[in-house]
Amino acid sequence: MKTYSPKAAELQAAWWVVDADGLVLGRLATAVAAKLRGKDKPTFAPHMDGGDYVVVVNASRVRVTGTRLDSKKYIRHSGYPGGFKSESLRHLLGRNPGRVLEKAVRGMLPKGALGHQIIKKLKVYPDADHPHASQQPHSWELGPSVIGGSEG
């Protein structure tokens, strides 16, 4: 028996809309990363981009548990002396709420060219409006395991 490998022409990408209002950040990010990667499809191949497009709305209303709002830091360095920058999750949510989910999902995707190609299929918007109505996206309801978290 031969191993099935899908052809690029056989792969079809659907569009999904998920409302992030009240969902826990990490649990939402893992579900979105799996959908972008195509791991929920029977034609999954780890070396191909066979996933779907995901539109996340209400990203500014995502939840985090514990003390992560103040203790989680996003760090970067410009490469120059004194170029270290640090920003808390609370500050980044206020400044650019979509970036928080993008960073969480990006860390769960493959590194390299395939990951760069996959992350382009993620569209994040801070409120309920999005310009992708013409793609006729399906509504994606996430279960209670994604809502999760006993703390708030």
N, C-alpha and C. Protein backbone atom coordinates (compact mmCIF):
# COMPACT_ATOMS: atom_id res chain seq x y z
N MET A 1 0.85 -1.17 0.00
CA MET A 1 0.00 0.00 0.00
C MET A 1 0.89 1.24 0.00
N LYS A 2 0.56 2.21 -0.84
CA LYS A 2 1.35 3.43 -0.94
C LYS A 2 0.75 4.51 -0.04
N THR A 3 1.61 5.37 0.43
CA THR A 3 1.16 6.50 1.23
C THR A 3 0.54 7.55 0.31
N TYR A 4 -0.63 8.05 0.70
CA TYR A 4 -1.32 9.05 -0.10
C TYR A 4 -0.67 10.41 0.14
N SER A 5 -0.36 11.10 -0.92
CA SER A 5 0.15 12.46 -0.85
C SER A 5 -0.72 13.35 -1.73
N PRO A 6 -1.37 14.36 -1.17
CA PRO A 6 -2.27 15.18 -1.97
C PRO A 6 -1.51 16.04 -2.97
N LYS A 7 -2.16 16.30 -4.08
CA LYS A 7 -1.62 17.21 -5.08
C LYS A 7 -2.09 18.63 -4.76
N ALA A 8 -1.34 19.60 -5.19
CA ALA A 8 -1.70 20.99 -4.91
C ALA A 8 -3.04 21.37 -5.52
N ALA A 9 -3.37 20.82 -6.66
CA ALA A 9 -4.64 21.12 -7.32
C ALA A 9 -5.83 20.52 -6.58
N GLU A 10 -5.61 19.48 -5.78
CA GLU A 10 -6.69 18.83 -5.05
C GLU A 10 -7.09 19.58 -3.78
N LEU A 11 -6.22 20.45 -3.29
CA LEU A 11 -6.47 21.12 -2.02
C LEU A 11 -7.40 22.31 -2.21
N GLN A 12 -8.43 22.36 -1.41
CA GLN A 12 -9.40 23.45 -1.45
C GLN A 12 -9.39 24.15 -0.09
N ALA A 13 -9.30 25.46 -0.12
CA ALA A 13 -9.28 26.23 1.12
C ALA A 13 -10.63 26.88 1.36
N ALA A 14 -11.20 26.65 2.53
CA ALA A 14 -12.46 27.27 2.92
C ALA A 14 -12.15 28.49 3.79
N TRP A 15 -13.15 29.32 4.01
CA TRP A 15 -13.01 30.49 4.87
C TRP A 15 -13.86 30.28 6.12
N TRP A 16 -13.32 30.61 7.29
CA TRP A 16 -13.99 30.45 8.57
C TRP A 16 -13.93 31.76 9.33
N VAL A 17 -15.00 32.09 10.05
CA VAL A 17 -15.04 33.26 10.93
C VAL A 17 -15.25 32.77 12.35
N VAL A 18 -14.40 33.22 13.26
CA VAL A 18 -14.55 32.87 14.67
C VAL A 18 -14.61 34.16 15.49
N ASP A 19 -15.54 34.19 16.45
CA ASP A 19 -15.69 35.34 17.34
C ASP A 19 -14.86 35.07 18.59
N ALA A 20 -13.87 35.91 18.85
CA ALA A 20 -12.95 35.71 19.97
C ALA A 20 -13.46 36.29 21.28
N ASP A 21 -14.66 36.82 21.29
CA ASP A 21 -15.22 37.45 22.48
C ASP A 21 -15.34 36.43 23.61
N GLY A 22 -14.59 36.63 24.68
CA GLY A 22 -14.66 35.77 25.86
C GLY A 22 -13.84 34.49 25.78
N LEU A 23 -13.16 34.23 24.68
CA LEU A 23 -12.35 33.02 24.56
C LEU A 23 -10.96 33.24 25.14
N VAL A 24 -10.38 32.19 25.68
CA VAL A 24 -9.04 32.26 26.27
C VAL A 24 -8.01 32.28 25.14
N LEU A 25 -7.04 33.17 25.25
CA LEU A 25 -6.08 33.43 24.18
C LEU A 25 -5.34 32.18 23.70
N GLY A 26 -4.73 31.42 24.59
CA GLY A 26 -3.94 30.26 24.20
C GLY A 26 -4.77 29.15 23.58
N ARG A 27 -5.95 28.90 24.12
CA ARG A 27 -6.81 27.85 23.59
C ARG A 27 -7.35 28.23 22.22
N LEU A 28 -7.67 29.50 22.04
CA LEU A 28 -8.10 29.98 20.73
C LEU A 28 -6.96 29.87 19.73
N ALA A 29 -5.76 30.23 20.15
CA ALA A 29 -4.60 30.21 19.24
C ALA A 29 -4.30 28.79 18.77
N THR A 30 -4.40 27.79 19.64
CA THR A 30 -4.12 26.42 19.23
C THR A 30 -5.16 25.92 18.23
N ALA A 31 -6.43 26.27 18.45
CA ALA A 31 -7.49 25.86 17.51
C ALA A 31 -7.30 26.53 16.15
N VAL A 32 -6.95 27.82 16.17
CA VAL A 32 -6.75 28.55 14.92
C VAL A 32 -5.53 28.02 14.17
N ALA A 33 -4.45 27.73 14.90
CA ALA A 33 -3.23 27.21 14.26
C ALA A 33 -3.49 25.86 13.59
N ALA A 34 -4.27 25.00 14.24
CA ALA A 34 -4.58 23.69 13.66
C ALA A 34 -5.43 23.84 12.40
N LYS A 35 -6.37 24.79 12.42
CA LYS A 35 -7.23 25.02 11.25
C LYS A 35 -6.42 25.62 10.10
N LEU A 36 -5.52 26.56 10.40
CA LEU A 36 -4.67 27.15 9.36
C LEU A 36 -3.75 26.12 8.74
N ARG A 37 -3.26 25.21 9.55
CA ARG A 37 -2.32 24.19 9.09
C ARG A 37 -3.01 23.09 8.30
N GLY A 38 -4.33 22.88 8.57
CA GLY A 38 -5.08 21.85 7.87
C GLY A 38 -5.05 20.51 8.58
N LYS A 39 -4.74 20.52 9.87
CA LYS A 39 -4.63 19.25 10.59
C LYS A 39 -5.96 18.58 10.83
N ASP A 40 -7.06 19.30 10.61
CA ASP A 40 -8.38 18.70 10.80
C ASP A 40 -8.90 18.05 9.52
N LYS A 41 -8.11 18.05 8.46
CA LYS A 41 -8.54 17.48 7.19
C LYS A 41 -7.89 16.11 6.96
N PRO A 42 -8.58 15.22 6.28
CA PRO A 42 -7.97 13.92 6.00
C PRO A 42 -6.83 13.99 4.98
N THR A 43 -6.72 15.11 4.28
CA THR A 43 -5.66 15.26 3.28
C THR A 43 -4.44 15.98 3.85
N PHE A 44 -4.28 16.02 5.18
CA PHE A 44 -3.16 16.73 5.79
C PHE A 44 -1.83 16.13 5.37
N ALA A 45 -0.93 17.01 4.96
CA ALA A 45 0.45 16.63 4.66
C ALA A 45 1.34 17.67 5.32
N PRO A 46 2.31 17.25 6.13
CA PRO A 46 3.10 18.22 6.89
C PRO A 46 3.97 19.13 6.04
N HIS A 47 4.20 18.77 4.80
CA HIS A 47 5.07 19.58 3.95
C HIS A 47 4.31 20.50 3.01
N MET A 48 2.97 20.52 3.11
CA MET A 48 2.14 21.33 2.21
C MET A 48 1.23 22.25 2.99
N ASP A 49 0.84 23.33 2.35
CA ASP A 49 -0.12 24.26 2.93
C ASP A 49 -1.51 23.85 2.47
N GLY A 50 -2.18 23.02 3.26
CA GLY A 50 -3.51 22.53 2.89
C GLY A 50 -4.58 23.04 3.82
N GLY A 51 -4.31 24.10 4.58
CA GLY A 51 -5.26 24.60 5.55
C GLY A 51 -6.25 25.59 4.98
N ASP A 52 -7.08 26.11 5.87
CA ASP A 52 -8.14 27.04 5.50
C ASP A 52 -7.77 28.46 5.94
N TYR A 53 -8.54 29.42 5.44
CA TYR A 53 -8.41 30.80 5.87
C TYR A 53 -9.24 30.97 7.14
N VAL A 54 -8.72 31.74 8.10
CA VAL A 54 -9.44 31.99 9.35
C VAL A 54 -9.50 33.50 9.58
N VAL A 55 -10.71 34.00 9.80
CA VAL A 55 -10.94 35.40 10.13
C VAL A 55 -11.37 35.45 11.59
N VAL A 56 -10.61 36.16 12.41
CA VAL A 56 -10.92 36.28 13.83
C VAL A 56 -11.44 37.70 14.07
N VAL A 57 -12.66 37.80 14.61
CA VAL A 57 -13.24 39.10 14.94
C VAL A 57 -13.31 39.25 16.45
N ASN A 58 -13.41 40.48 16.91
CA ASN A 58 -13.44 40.82 18.34
C ASN A 58 -12.17 40.36 19.06
N ALA A 59 -11.04 40.54 18.44
CA ALA A 59 -9.77 40.13 19.04
C ALA A 59 -9.43 40.96 20.27
N SER A 60 -9.97 42.15 20.38
CA SER A 60 -9.69 42.99 21.55
C SER A 60 -10.41 42.48 22.80
N ARG A 61 -11.34 41.54 22.65
CA ARG A 61 -12.11 41.03 23.78
C ARG A 61 -11.67 39.62 24.19
N VAL A 62 -10.48 39.22 23.79
CA VAL A 62 -9.95 37.91 24.15
C VAL A 62 -9.58 37.92 25.64
N ARG A 63 -9.69 36.77 26.29
CA ARG A 63 -9.39 36.67 27.72
C ARG A 63 -8.04 36.03 27.94
N VAL A 64 -7.42 36.36 29.06
CA VAL A 64 -6.23 35.65 29.53
C VAL A 64 -6.47 35.32 31.00
N THR A 65 -5.87 34.23 31.46
CA THR A 65 -6.08 33.79 32.83
C THR A 65 -4.88 34.17 33.68
N GLY A 66 -5.09 34.15 34.97
CA GLY A 66 -4.00 34.44 35.90
C GLY A 66 -3.57 35.90 35.84
N THR A 67 -2.28 36.12 36.05
CA THR A 67 -1.74 37.48 36.08
C THR A 67 -1.00 37.81 34.78
N ARG A 68 -1.37 37.15 33.69
CA ARG A 68 -0.62 37.33 32.45
C ARG A 68 -0.72 38.73 31.86
N LEU A 69 -1.78 39.46 32.16
CA LEU A 69 -1.91 40.80 31.60
C LEU A 69 -0.70 41.67 31.94
N ASP A 70 -0.17 41.51 33.15
CA ASP A 70 0.97 42.34 33.55
C ASP A 70 2.29 41.58 33.55
N SER A 71 2.25 40.25 33.73
CA SER A 71 3.50 39.51 33.85
C SER A 71 4.06 39.06 32.50
N LYS A 72 3.20 38.86 31.49
CA LYS A 72 3.70 38.43 30.18
C LYS A 72 4.29 39.61 29.45
N LYS A 73 5.52 39.44 28.96
CA LYS A 73 6.23 40.51 28.26
C LYS A 73 6.55 40.06 26.83
N TYR A 74 6.39 40.98 25.90
CA TYR A 74 6.82 40.77 24.52
C TYR A 74 8.10 41.57 24.35
N ILE A 75 9.19 40.87 24.01
CA ILE A 75 10.48 41.54 23.94
C ILE A 75 11.03 41.51 22.52
N ARG A 76 11.83 42.50 22.19
CA ARG A 76 12.51 42.55 20.91
C ARG A 76 13.78 43.38 21.07
N HIS A 77 14.66 43.26 20.12
CA HIS A 77 15.92 44.00 20.16
C HIS A 77 16.23 44.49 18.76
N SER A 78 16.62 45.75 18.66
CA SER A 78 16.89 46.35 17.35
C SER A 78 18.23 45.91 16.78
N GLY A 79 19.10 45.39 17.61
CA GLY A 79 20.44 45.02 17.16
C GLY A 79 21.47 46.07 17.49
N TYR A 80 21.02 47.24 17.93
CA TYR A 80 21.92 48.32 18.31
C TYR A 80 22.09 48.33 19.83
N PRO A 81 23.17 48.90 20.33
CA PRO A 81 23.34 49.01 21.78
C PRO A 81 22.19 49.81 22.39
N GLY A 82 21.62 49.27 23.45
CA GLY A 82 20.49 49.93 24.10
C GLY A 82 19.19 49.75 23.35
N GLY A 83 19.13 48.82 22.42
CA GLY A 83 17.96 48.64 21.58
C GLY A 83 16.95 47.64 22.10
N PHE A 84 17.02 47.27 23.37
CA PHE A 84 16.10 46.30 23.97
C PHE A 84 14.76 46.98 24.25
N LYS A 85 13.68 46.39 23.77
CA LYS A 85 12.34 46.92 24.01
C LYS A 85 11.49 45.83 24.65
N SER A 86 10.69 46.20 25.62
CA SER A 86 9.82 45.27 26.32
C SER A 86 8.44 45.90 26.44
N GLU A 87 7.41 45.07 26.28
CA GLU A 87 6.04 45.56 26.33
C GLU A 87 5.16 44.50 26.99
N SER A 88 4.30 44.92 27.91
CA SER A 88 3.42 43.97 28.59
C SER A 88 2.24 43.61 27.70
N LEU A 89 1.60 42.50 28.04
CA LEU A 89 0.43 42.05 27.31
C LEU A 89 -0.69 43.09 27.39
N ARG A 90 -0.87 43.68 28.54
CA ARG A 90 -1.91 44.70 28.72
C ARG A 90 -1.69 45.88 27.78
N HIS A 91 -0.44 46.33 27.68
CA HIS A 91 -0.13 47.47 26.82
C HIS A 91 -0.32 47.13 25.34
N LEU A 92 0.12 45.92 24.94
CA LEU A 92 -0.03 45.52 23.54
C LEU A 92 -1.49 45.32 23.16
N LEU A 93 -2.31 44.80 24.09
CA LEU A 93 -3.74 44.66 23.83
C LEU A 93 -4.39 46.02 23.62
N GLY A 94 -3.95 47.01 24.37
CA GLY A 94 -4.50 48.35 24.21
C GLY A 94 -4.02 49.02 22.93
N ARG A 95 -2.78 48.77 22.55
CA ARG A 95 -2.18 49.43 21.39
C ARG A 95 -2.57 48.76 20.08
N ASN A 96 -2.47 47.42 20.03
CA ASN A 96 -2.76 46.68 18.80
C ASN A 96 -3.28 45.29 19.20
N PRO A 97 -4.59 45.15 19.45
CA PRO A 97 -5.11 43.88 19.97
C PRO A 97 -4.96 42.70 19.03
N GLY A 98 -4.94 42.92 17.74
CA GLY A 98 -4.79 41.82 16.80
C GLY A 98 -3.41 41.20 16.83
N ARG A 99 -2.41 41.99 17.17
CA ARG A 99 -1.02 41.52 17.19
C ARG A 99 -0.81 40.42 18.23
N VAL A 100 -1.56 40.47 19.33
CA VAL A 100 -1.41 39.47 20.39
C VAL A 100 -1.76 38.08 19.87
N LEU A 101 -2.90 37.97 19.19
CA LEU A 101 -3.31 36.67 18.64
C LEU A 101 -2.40 36.24 17.50
N GLU A 102 -1.97 37.18 16.67
CA GLU A 102 -1.06 36.85 15.57
C GLU A 102 0.25 36.27 16.10
N LYS A 103 0.79 36.87 17.15
CA LYS A 103 2.04 36.37 17.74
C LYS A 103 1.85 34.99 18.36
N ALA A 104 0.71 34.77 19.01
CA ALA A 104 0.44 33.48 19.64
C ALA A 104 0.32 32.38 18.59
N VAL A 105 -0.37 32.67 17.49
CA VAL A 105 -0.56 31.67 16.43
C VAL A 105 0.75 31.44 15.67
N ARG A 106 1.49 32.51 15.40
CA ARG A 106 2.74 32.40 14.65
C ARG A 106 3.73 31.47 15.36
N GLY A 107 3.75 31.52 16.68
CA GLY A 107 4.66 30.65 17.44
C GLY A 107 4.29 29.18 17.35
N MET A 108 3.06 28.87 16.94
CA MET A 108 2.60 27.48 16.85
C MET A 108 2.70 26.91 15.45
N LEU A 109 3.12 27.71 14.50
CA LEU A 109 3.24 27.26 13.11
C LEU A 109 4.68 26.87 12.80
N PRO A 110 4.91 26.14 11.71
CA PRO A 110 6.27 25.77 11.35
C PRO A 110 7.11 27.01 11.06
N LYS A 111 8.38 26.91 11.37
CA LYS A 111 9.29 28.01 11.08
C LYS A 111 9.76 27.87 9.63
N GLY A 112 10.02 28.98 8.97
CA GLY A 112 10.51 28.94 7.60
C GLY A 112 9.46 29.33 6.59
N ALA A 113 9.70 28.97 5.35
CA ALA A 113 8.86 29.41 4.24
C ALA A 113 7.42 28.91 4.35
N LEU A 114 7.23 27.68 4.80
CA LEU A 114 5.88 27.14 4.94
C LEU A 114 5.09 27.91 5.99
N GLY A 115 5.72 28.22 7.11
CA GLY A 115 5.06 28.99 8.15
C GLY A 115 4.70 30.39 7.70
N HIS A 116 5.58 31.02 6.92
CA HIS A 116 5.30 32.36 6.41
C HIS A 116 4.11 32.34 5.47
N GLN A 117 4.00 31.29 4.68
CA GLN A 117 2.88 31.15 3.75
C GLN A 117 1.58 30.90 4.50
N ILE A 118 1.62 30.10 5.55
CA ILE A 118 0.42 29.76 6.30
C ILE A 118 -0.11 30.95 7.08
N ILE A 119 0.77 31.75 7.70
CA ILE A 119 0.32 32.84 8.56
C ILE A 119 -0.40 33.92 7.76
N LYS A 120 -0.16 33.98 6.45
CA LYS A 120 -0.84 34.97 5.62
C LYS A 120 -2.33 34.68 5.49
N LYS A 121 -2.76 33.47 5.85
CA LYS A 121 -4.17 33.11 5.76
C LYS A 121 -4.94 33.44 7.03
N LEU A 122 -4.27 34.07 8.00
CA LEU A 122 -4.92 34.50 9.23
C LEU A 122 -5.25 35.98 9.11
N LYS A 123 -6.50 36.32 9.33
CA LYS A 123 -6.97 37.71 9.29
C LYS A 123 -7.58 38.03 10.65
N VAL A 124 -7.03 39.02 11.35
CA VAL A 124 -7.47 39.35 12.70
C VAL A 124 -7.98 40.78 12.73
N TYR A 125 -9.17 40.99 13.34
CA TYR A 125 -9.77 42.31 13.44
C TYR A 125 -10.19 42.56 14.89
N PRO A 126 -9.95 43.78 15.40
CA PRO A 126 -10.23 44.06 16.82
C PRO A 126 -11.72 44.15 17.14
N ASP A 127 -12.56 44.45 16.15
CA ASP A 127 -14.00 44.54 16.41
C ASP A 127 -14.75 43.55 15.52
N ALA A 128 -16.07 43.69 15.46
CA ALA A 128 -16.90 42.69 14.77
C ALA A 128 -16.93 42.87 13.25
N ASP A 129 -16.41 43.96 12.73
CA ASP A 129 -16.46 44.20 11.28
C ASP A 129 -15.25 43.59 10.59
N HIS A 130 -15.49 42.99 9.41
CA HIS A 130 -14.39 42.48 8.60
C HIS A 130 -14.78 42.59 7.12
N PRO A 131 -13.80 42.78 6.23
CA PRO A 131 -14.10 42.98 4.81
C PRO A 131 -14.14 41.70 3.98
N HIS A 132 -14.36 40.55 4.60
CA HIS A 132 -14.28 39.28 3.88
C HIS A 132 -15.65 38.64 3.66
N ALA A 133 -16.70 39.43 3.61
CA ALA A 133 -18.04 38.88 3.41
C ALA A 133 -18.20 38.27 2.02
N SER A 134 -17.46 38.79 1.03
CA SER A 134 -17.59 38.27 -0.33
C SER A 134 -17.01 36.87 -0.47
N GLN A 135 -16.17 36.43 0.48
CA GLN A 135 -15.64 35.06 0.45
C GLN A 135 -16.63 34.06 1.04
N GLN A 136 -17.75 34.55 1.55
CA GLN A 136 -18.80 33.74 2.16
C GLN A 136 -18.24 32.79 3.21
N PRO A 137 -17.64 33.34 4.27
CA PRO A 137 -17.03 32.48 5.29
C PRO A 137 -18.08 31.75 6.12
N HIS A 138 -17.71 30.55 6.56
CA HIS A 138 -18.56 29.76 7.44
C HIS A 138 -18.34 30.22 8.87
N SER A 139 -19.38 30.15 9.67
CA SER A 139 -19.25 30.47 11.09
C SER A 139 -18.62 29.28 11.80
N TRP A 140 -17.65 29.55 12.66
CA TRP A 140 -16.94 28.50 13.38
C TRP A 140 -17.17 28.71 14.86
N GLU A 141 -18.01 27.86 15.46
CA GLU A 141 -18.29 27.95 16.89
C GLU A 141 -17.34 27.02 17.64
N LEU A 142 -16.60 27.58 18.57
CA LEU A 142 -15.66 26.79 19.36
C LEU A 142 -16.33 26.34 20.65
N GLY A 143 -16.06 25.12 21.06
CA GLY A 143 -16.72 24.52 22.20
C GLY A 143 -16.26 25.05 23.55
N PRO A 144 -16.82 24.49 24.63
CA PRO A 144 -16.49 24.96 25.97
C PRO A 144 -15.04 24.71 26.38
N SER A 145 -14.38 23.75 25.74
CA SER A 145 -12.99 23.50 26.10
C SER A 145 -12.09 24.67 25.65
N VAL A 146 -12.51 25.40 24.64
CA VAL A 146 -11.73 26.56 24.18
C VAL A 146 -12.04 27.78 25.03
N ILE A 147 -13.29 27.87 25.50
CA ILE A 147 -13.67 29.00 26.35
C ILE A 147 -12.88 28.91 27.64
N GLY A 148 -12.91 27.76 28.28
CA GLY A 148 -12.07 27.36 29.41
C GLY A 148 -11.67 28.43 30.40
N GLY A 149 -10.79 28.04 31.29
CA GLY A 149 -10.23 28.95 32.27
C GLY A 149 -11.18 29.23 33.41
N SER A 150 -10.77 28.92 34.63
CA SER A 150 -11.61 29.18 35.79
C SER A 150 -11.31 30.54 36.39
N GLU A 151 -10.18 31.11 36.00
CA GLU A 151 -9.81 32.43 36.51
C GLU A 151 -10.14 33.47 35.46
N GLY A 152 -10.14 34.72 35.79
CA GLY A 152 -10.47 35.71 34.81
C GLY A 152 -9.63 36.89 34.95
